[in-house]
Amino acid sequence: MLVILFRILIILTIIVIAYSLVKYIVKPERKLTKAQEKREFYFLDEEENVRKNFFITYKGLLFEGEKYLEATADSFDITRIHMNLDQHSLKGFRYEDFHFLEEEIRIRYPKATIEWSKPVKEFMKSSSTSAQPTT
């Protein structure tokens, strides 16, 4: 009887360890951290959860996007996104990098306007006006 109980306990322990290992491997936050360490692009979002912010990592920086749900002409949709920068080391970032991030956001939220936080906001305004040819 004691041997059978011990075998059941070992099987349960193996199941719990396997379950914990699988949950750790597929955890989205771990993938975000790993992509940030490798300086890769990763978009972490729960599109069906409007209240939860999304995170983007690109070139080692972490960006946070706040989604705002508002009424449109035919439905309720995400109409405004405010982007915050988690870290303030923007050295080496160019206008094309921010433009790439905006395009990736527009793929997921086509009706949304994107607003950047303070240092990026001025940079985007000055870069977009200098990029346009003057006549």
N, C-alpha and C. Protein backbone atom coordinates (compact mmCIF):
# COMPACT_ATOMS: atom_id res chain seq x y z
N MET A 1 0.82 -1.20 0.00
CA MET A 1 0.00 0.00 0.00
C MET A 1 0.86 1.27 0.00
N LEU A 2 1.91 1.24 0.77
CA LEU A 2 2.82 2.38 0.86
C LEU A 2 3.55 2.59 -0.46
N VAL A 3 3.89 1.50 -1.16
CA VAL A 3 4.58 1.58 -2.44
C VAL A 3 3.67 2.21 -3.49
N ILE A 4 2.40 1.84 -3.50
CA ILE A 4 1.45 2.40 -4.46
C ILE A 4 1.26 3.89 -4.20
N LEU A 5 1.15 4.28 -2.96
CA LEU A 5 1.01 5.69 -2.60
C LEU A 5 2.24 6.49 -3.01
N PHE A 6 3.42 5.92 -2.83
CA PHE A 6 4.66 6.57 -3.23
C PHE A 6 4.73 6.73 -4.75
N ARG A 7 4.30 5.73 -5.51
CA ARG A 7 4.29 5.81 -6.97
C ARG A 7 3.32 6.90 -7.45
N ILE A 8 2.16 6.99 -6.84
CA ILE A 8 1.19 8.03 -7.20
C ILE A 8 1.76 9.41 -6.91
N LEU A 9 2.45 9.53 -5.79
CA LEU A 9 3.08 10.81 -5.43
C LEU A 9 4.16 11.20 -6.45
N ILE A 10 4.95 10.25 -6.90
CA ILE A 10 5.98 10.52 -7.90
C ILE A 10 5.34 10.93 -9.23
N ILE A 11 4.30 10.26 -9.65
CA ILE A 11 3.61 10.60 -10.90
C ILE A 11 3.01 12.00 -10.82
N LEU A 12 2.39 12.33 -9.70
CA LEU A 12 1.83 13.67 -9.52
C LEU A 12 2.92 14.74 -9.54
N THR A 13 4.06 14.44 -8.95
CA THR A 13 5.18 15.38 -8.96
C THR A 13 5.69 15.61 -10.38
N ILE A 14 5.80 14.57 -11.16
CA ILE A 14 6.24 14.70 -12.55
C ILE A 14 5.24 15.53 -13.35
N ILE A 15 3.96 15.30 -13.14
CA ILE A 15 2.93 16.07 -13.86
C ILE A 15 3.01 17.54 -13.49
N VAL A 16 3.16 17.86 -12.23
CA VAL A 16 3.25 19.25 -11.79
C VAL A 16 4.50 19.93 -12.36
N ILE A 17 5.62 19.25 -12.37
CA ILE A 17 6.85 19.81 -12.92
C ILE A 17 6.71 20.04 -14.42
N ALA A 18 6.13 19.08 -15.14
CA ALA A 18 5.94 19.23 -16.58
C ALA A 18 4.99 20.40 -16.89
N TYR A 19 3.91 20.52 -16.14
CA TYR A 19 2.96 21.62 -16.32
C TYR A 19 3.63 22.97 -16.07
N SER A 20 4.41 23.06 -15.01
CA SER A 20 5.11 24.31 -14.69
C SER A 20 6.13 24.67 -15.76
N LEU A 21 6.82 23.68 -16.29
CA LEU A 21 7.80 23.92 -17.34
C LEU A 21 7.14 24.42 -18.62
N VAL A 22 6.02 23.84 -19.01
CA VAL A 22 5.31 24.28 -20.21
C VAL A 22 4.78 25.69 -20.01
N LYS A 23 4.21 25.99 -18.87
CA LYS A 23 3.70 27.34 -18.59
C LYS A 23 4.83 28.37 -18.64
N TYR A 24 6.00 28.02 -18.17
CA TYR A 24 7.14 28.93 -18.20
C TYR A 24 7.61 29.18 -19.63
N ILE A 25 7.65 28.14 -20.43
CA ILE A 25 8.16 28.26 -21.80
C ILE A 25 7.24 29.12 -22.66
N VAL A 26 5.95 28.99 -22.52
CA VAL A 26 5.01 29.72 -23.38
C VAL A 26 4.57 31.06 -22.78
N LYS A 27 5.13 31.47 -21.69
CA LYS A 27 4.74 32.72 -21.05
C LYS A 27 5.13 33.91 -21.94
N PRO A 28 4.15 34.77 -22.33
CA PRO A 28 4.44 35.87 -23.25
C PRO A 28 5.40 36.92 -22.66
N GLU A 29 5.34 37.15 -21.38
CA GLU A 29 6.22 38.14 -20.76
C GLU A 29 7.68 37.70 -20.85
N ARG A 30 7.92 36.41 -20.78
CA ARG A 30 9.28 35.90 -20.92
C ARG A 30 9.78 36.11 -22.34
N LYS A 31 8.89 35.91 -23.31
CA LYS A 31 9.26 36.14 -24.71
C LYS A 31 9.59 37.61 -24.94
N LEU A 32 8.84 38.51 -24.30
CA LEU A 32 9.10 39.94 -24.43
C LEU A 32 10.47 40.29 -23.86
N THR A 33 10.78 39.77 -22.69
CA THR A 33 12.07 40.03 -22.06
C THR A 33 13.21 39.46 -22.90
N LYS A 34 13.02 38.28 -23.43
CA LYS A 34 14.05 37.66 -24.26
C LYS A 34 14.29 38.46 -25.54
N ALA A 35 13.21 38.94 -26.16
CA ALA A 35 13.35 39.76 -27.37
C ALA A 35 14.04 41.08 -27.06
N GLN A 36 13.77 41.65 -25.88
CA GLN A 36 14.43 42.90 -25.50
C GLN A 36 15.92 42.68 -25.29
N GLU A 37 16.27 41.58 -24.68
CA GLU A 37 17.70 41.28 -24.47
C GLU A 37 18.42 41.05 -25.80
N LYS A 38 17.73 40.44 -26.77
CA LYS A 38 18.33 40.19 -28.08
C LYS A 38 18.20 41.38 -29.02
N ARG A 39 17.55 42.45 -28.55
CA ARG A 39 17.34 43.67 -29.33
C ARG A 39 16.53 43.39 -30.59
N GLU A 40 15.50 42.55 -30.45
CA GLU A 40 14.62 42.19 -31.55
C GLU A 40 13.27 42.88 -31.39
N PHE A 41 12.45 42.79 -32.45
CA PHE A 41 11.09 43.33 -32.40
C PHE A 41 10.15 42.27 -31.85
N TYR A 42 9.29 42.68 -30.88
CA TYR A 42 8.26 41.79 -30.36
C TYR A 42 7.08 42.64 -29.91
N PHE A 43 5.89 42.21 -30.27
CA PHE A 43 4.66 42.94 -29.95
C PHE A 43 3.83 42.06 -29.03
N LEU A 44 3.64 42.49 -27.78
CA LEU A 44 2.88 41.73 -26.79
C LEU A 44 1.57 42.46 -26.54
N ASP A 45 0.46 41.83 -26.92
CA ASP A 45 -0.84 42.48 -26.79
C ASP A 45 -1.93 41.44 -26.66
N GLU A 46 -2.95 41.77 -25.87
CA GLU A 46 -4.19 41.02 -25.84
C GLU A 46 -5.22 41.91 -26.51
N GLU A 47 -5.42 41.70 -27.82
CA GLU A 47 -6.27 42.59 -28.60
C GLU A 47 -7.72 42.59 -28.11
N GLU A 48 -8.19 41.48 -27.59
CA GLU A 48 -9.57 41.43 -27.12
C GLU A 48 -9.76 42.10 -25.75
N ASN A 49 -8.67 42.34 -25.03
CA ASN A 49 -8.74 43.00 -23.73
C ASN A 49 -8.37 44.47 -23.91
N VAL A 50 -9.38 45.33 -23.94
CA VAL A 50 -9.16 46.75 -24.21
C VAL A 50 -8.47 47.44 -23.05
N ARG A 51 -8.70 46.98 -21.86
CA ARG A 51 -8.15 47.65 -20.67
C ARG A 51 -6.67 47.36 -20.45
N LYS A 52 -6.17 46.35 -21.08
CA LYS A 52 -4.77 45.97 -20.87
C LYS A 52 -3.89 46.64 -21.91
N ASN A 53 -2.86 47.31 -21.46
CA ASN A 53 -1.91 47.98 -22.35
C ASN A 53 -1.10 46.95 -23.13
N PHE A 54 -0.53 47.39 -24.25
CA PHE A 54 0.34 46.50 -25.00
C PHE A 54 1.78 46.99 -24.87
N PHE A 55 2.70 46.07 -25.14
CA PHE A 55 4.12 46.37 -25.03
C PHE A 55 4.81 45.99 -26.33
N ILE A 56 5.77 46.84 -26.71
CA ILE A 56 6.58 46.59 -27.90
C ILE A 56 8.03 46.73 -27.49
N THR A 57 8.82 45.78 -27.88
CA THR A 57 10.26 45.92 -27.71
C THR A 57 10.89 46.00 -29.09
N TYR A 58 11.80 46.95 -29.25
CA TYR A 58 12.45 47.16 -30.53
C TYR A 58 13.83 47.78 -30.27
N LYS A 59 14.83 47.15 -30.80
CA LYS A 59 16.22 47.59 -30.63
C LYS A 59 16.59 47.77 -29.16
N GLY A 60 16.09 46.89 -28.32
CA GLY A 60 16.45 46.90 -26.90
C GLY A 60 15.63 47.84 -26.04
N LEU A 61 14.74 48.63 -26.62
CA LEU A 61 13.90 49.54 -25.85
C LEU A 61 12.50 48.98 -25.69
N LEU A 62 11.88 49.30 -24.56
CA LEU A 62 10.54 48.83 -24.27
C LEU A 62 9.57 50.00 -24.35
N PHE A 63 8.56 49.87 -25.20
CA PHE A 63 7.52 50.88 -25.36
C PHE A 63 6.21 50.32 -24.81
N GLU A 64 5.42 51.20 -24.20
CA GLU A 64 4.12 50.80 -23.69
C GLU A 64 3.04 51.63 -24.37
N GLY A 65 2.01 50.96 -24.85
CA GLY A 65 0.91 51.65 -25.52
C GLY A 65 -0.37 51.53 -24.73
N GLU A 66 -0.97 52.69 -24.43
CA GLU A 66 -2.26 52.71 -23.73
C GLU A 66 -3.36 52.82 -24.78
N LYS A 67 -4.32 51.90 -24.72
CA LYS A 67 -5.41 51.87 -25.69
C LYS A 67 -6.62 52.61 -25.10
N TYR A 68 -7.29 53.39 -25.96
CA TYR A 68 -8.49 54.11 -25.55
C TYR A 68 -9.63 53.72 -26.46
N LEU A 69 -10.69 53.18 -25.87
CA LEU A 69 -11.87 52.75 -26.61
C LEU A 69 -12.86 53.90 -26.69
N GLU A 70 -13.30 54.20 -27.90
CA GLU A 70 -14.28 55.27 -28.10
C GLU A 70 -15.27 54.83 -29.18
N ALA A 71 -16.40 55.52 -29.24
CA ALA A 71 -17.42 55.20 -30.23
C ALA A 71 -17.03 55.79 -31.58
N THR A 72 -17.17 54.97 -32.61
CA THR A 72 -16.99 55.44 -33.98
C THR A 72 -18.36 55.51 -34.63
N ALA A 73 -18.43 55.76 -35.91
CA ALA A 73 -19.70 55.90 -36.60
C ALA A 73 -20.52 54.61 -36.57
N ASP A 74 -19.86 53.47 -36.62
CA ASP A 74 -20.60 52.21 -36.69
C ASP A 74 -20.36 51.25 -35.53
N SER A 75 -19.38 51.51 -34.67
CA SER A 75 -19.10 50.59 -33.56
C SER A 75 -18.20 51.25 -32.53
N PHE A 76 -17.92 50.51 -31.47
CA PHE A 76 -16.91 50.93 -30.51
C PHE A 76 -15.59 50.32 -30.95
N ASP A 77 -14.55 51.13 -30.96
CA ASP A 77 -13.26 50.66 -31.44
C ASP A 77 -12.14 51.44 -30.76
N ILE A 78 -10.93 50.93 -30.86
CA ILE A 78 -9.75 51.63 -30.35
C ILE A 78 -9.48 52.78 -31.31
N THR A 79 -9.63 54.02 -30.83
CA THR A 79 -9.46 55.18 -31.70
C THR A 79 -8.23 56.01 -31.35
N ARG A 80 -7.65 55.74 -30.17
CA ARG A 80 -6.50 56.54 -29.76
C ARG A 80 -5.54 55.65 -28.98
N ILE A 81 -4.26 55.81 -29.27
CA ILE A 81 -3.21 55.07 -28.57
C ILE A 81 -2.15 56.06 -28.13
N HIS A 82 -1.82 56.01 -26.85
CA HIS A 82 -0.76 56.88 -26.31
C HIS A 82 0.46 56.00 -26.02
N MET A 83 1.56 56.33 -26.67
CA MET A 83 2.78 55.54 -26.53
C MET A 83 3.71 56.17 -25.50
N ASN A 84 4.13 55.37 -24.55
CA ASN A 84 5.10 55.80 -23.54
C ASN A 84 6.38 55.01 -23.72
N LEU A 85 7.47 55.66 -23.39
CA LEU A 85 8.78 55.01 -23.46
C LEU A 85 9.16 54.62 -22.05
N ASP A 86 9.46 53.34 -21.87
CA ASP A 86 9.80 52.84 -20.54
C ASP A 86 11.20 53.26 -20.12
N GLN A 87 12.10 53.35 -21.07
CA GLN A 87 13.47 53.75 -20.78
C GLN A 87 13.77 55.00 -21.59
N HIS A 88 14.74 55.75 -21.17
CA HIS A 88 15.04 57.02 -21.84
C HIS A 88 16.40 57.01 -22.53
N SER A 89 16.76 55.90 -23.10
CA SER A 89 18.02 55.86 -23.85
C SER A 89 17.70 55.71 -25.33
N LEU A 90 17.35 56.80 -25.95
CA LEU A 90 16.94 56.81 -27.35
C LEU A 90 18.11 57.01 -28.31
N LYS A 91 19.30 56.90 -27.81
CA LYS A 91 20.49 57.13 -28.64
C LYS A 91 20.49 56.17 -29.82
N GLY A 92 20.59 56.72 -31.02
CA GLY A 92 20.64 55.92 -32.22
C GLY A 92 19.30 55.68 -32.89
N PHE A 93 18.21 56.06 -32.22
CA PHE A 93 16.90 55.89 -32.83
C PHE A 93 16.68 56.97 -33.87
N ARG A 94 16.10 56.57 -35.02
CA ARG A 94 15.86 57.50 -36.10
C ARG A 94 14.36 57.59 -36.37
N TYR A 95 14.01 58.52 -37.23
CA TYR A 95 12.61 58.71 -37.61
C TYR A 95 12.05 57.43 -38.21
N GLU A 96 12.83 56.71 -39.00
CA GLU A 96 12.37 55.48 -39.63
C GLU A 96 12.00 54.42 -38.60
N ASP A 97 12.71 54.39 -37.47
CA ASP A 97 12.41 53.43 -36.42
C ASP A 97 11.03 53.70 -35.82
N PHE A 98 10.76 54.96 -35.53
CA PHE A 98 9.45 55.30 -34.98
C PHE A 98 8.35 55.10 -36.01
N HIS A 99 8.66 55.37 -37.27
CA HIS A 99 7.69 55.14 -38.34
C HIS A 99 7.37 53.65 -38.46
N PHE A 100 8.39 52.80 -38.32
CA PHE A 100 8.18 51.35 -38.33
C PHE A 100 7.26 50.92 -37.20
N LEU A 101 7.49 51.46 -36.00
CA LEU A 101 6.63 51.12 -34.86
C LEU A 101 5.20 51.56 -35.10
N GLU A 102 5.01 52.75 -35.65
CA GLU A 102 3.66 53.23 -35.94
C GLU A 102 2.96 52.34 -36.96
N GLU A 103 3.68 51.88 -37.96
CA GLU A 103 3.08 51.00 -38.97
C GLU A 103 2.67 49.66 -38.35
N GLU A 104 3.48 49.14 -37.46
CA GLU A 104 3.13 47.88 -36.79
C GLU A 104 1.89 48.05 -35.92
N ILE A 105 1.76 49.19 -35.28
CA ILE A 105 0.57 49.45 -34.47
C ILE A 105 -0.65 49.60 -35.38
N ARG A 106 -0.49 50.28 -36.50
CA ARG A 106 -1.62 50.50 -37.43
C ARG A 106 -2.09 49.19 -38.07
N ILE A 107 -1.22 48.22 -38.18
CA ILE A 107 -1.64 46.91 -38.69
C ILE A 107 -2.67 46.30 -37.74
N ARG A 108 -2.45 46.46 -36.45
CA ARG A 108 -3.34 45.87 -35.45
C ARG A 108 -4.53 46.77 -35.12
N TYR A 109 -4.32 48.08 -35.16
CA TYR A 109 -5.37 49.06 -34.84
C TYR A 109 -5.45 50.11 -35.94
N PRO A 110 -6.11 49.80 -37.05
CA PRO A 110 -6.10 50.73 -38.20
C PRO A 110 -6.86 52.04 -37.97
N LYS A 111 -7.82 52.07 -37.07
CA LYS A 111 -8.61 53.29 -36.84
C LYS A 111 -8.01 54.20 -35.78
N ALA A 112 -6.91 53.80 -35.19
CA ALA A 112 -6.35 54.55 -34.06
C ALA A 112 -5.37 55.62 -34.51
N THR A 113 -5.40 56.75 -33.79
CA THR A 113 -4.36 57.76 -33.95
C THR A 113 -3.33 57.52 -32.85
N ILE A 114 -2.08 57.73 -33.18
CA ILE A 114 -0.99 57.42 -32.26
C ILE A 114 -0.39 58.71 -31.74
N GLU A 115 -0.33 58.81 -30.42
CA GLU A 115 0.27 59.97 -29.75
C GLU A 115 1.49 59.47 -28.98
N TRP A 116 2.60 60.17 -29.12
CA TRP A 116 3.83 59.79 -28.44
C TRP A 116 4.03 60.65 -27.20
N SER A 117 4.80 60.16 -26.27
CA SER A 117 5.14 60.95 -25.07
C SER A 117 6.13 62.04 -25.44
N LYS A 118 6.45 62.88 -24.49
CA LYS A 118 7.13 64.15 -24.70
C LYS A 118 8.39 64.15 -25.58
N PRO A 119 9.47 63.42 -25.26
CA PRO A 119 10.66 63.63 -26.09
C PRO A 119 10.47 63.14 -27.53
N VAL A 120 9.70 62.09 -27.71
CA VAL A 120 9.51 61.53 -29.04
C VAL A 120 8.56 62.40 -29.86
N LYS A 121 7.59 62.99 -29.18
CA LYS A 121 6.59 63.81 -29.86
C LYS A 121 7.24 64.97 -30.62
N GLU A 122 8.14 65.70 -29.98
CA GLU A 122 8.83 66.81 -30.64
C GLU A 122 9.74 66.32 -31.76
N PHE A 123 10.40 65.19 -31.51
CA PHE A 123 11.28 64.62 -32.52
C PHE A 123 10.50 64.24 -33.78
N MET A 124 9.34 63.63 -33.60
CA MET A 124 8.52 63.21 -34.74
C MET A 124 8.02 64.43 -35.52
N LYS A 125 7.63 65.49 -34.80
CA LYS A 125 7.16 66.70 -35.48
C LYS A 125 8.29 67.34 -36.29
N SER A 126 9.45 67.47 -35.68
CA SER A 126 10.57 68.11 -36.38
C SER A 126 11.08 67.26 -37.53
N SER A 127 11.09 65.96 -37.35
CA SER A 127 11.57 65.07 -38.41
C SER A 127 10.59 65.00 -39.57
N SER A 128 9.30 65.02 -39.27
CA SER A 128 8.32 64.90 -40.37
C SER A 128 8.28 66.20 -41.18
N THR A 129 8.50 67.35 -40.55
CA THR A 129 8.52 68.59 -41.31
C THR A 129 9.82 68.73 -42.10
N SER A 130 10.92 68.22 -41.57
CA SER A 130 12.19 68.31 -42.31
C SER A 130 12.23 67.27 -43.43
N ALA A 131 11.46 66.20 -43.32
CA ALA A 131 11.45 65.18 -44.36
C ALA A 131 10.63 65.59 -45.57
N GLN A 132 9.69 66.53 -45.38
CA GLN A 132 8.87 66.98 -46.49
C GLN A 132 9.63 68.02 -47.30
N PRO A 133 9.57 67.91 -48.62
CA PRO A 133 10.28 68.90 -49.45
C PRO A 133 9.56 70.24 -49.42
N THR A 134 10.31 71.30 -49.36
CA THR A 134 9.73 72.64 -49.37
C THR A 134 9.63 73.15 -50.79
N THR A 135 8.55 73.86 -51.08
CA THR A 135 8.38 74.40 -52.43
C THR A 135 8.42 75.89 -52.42
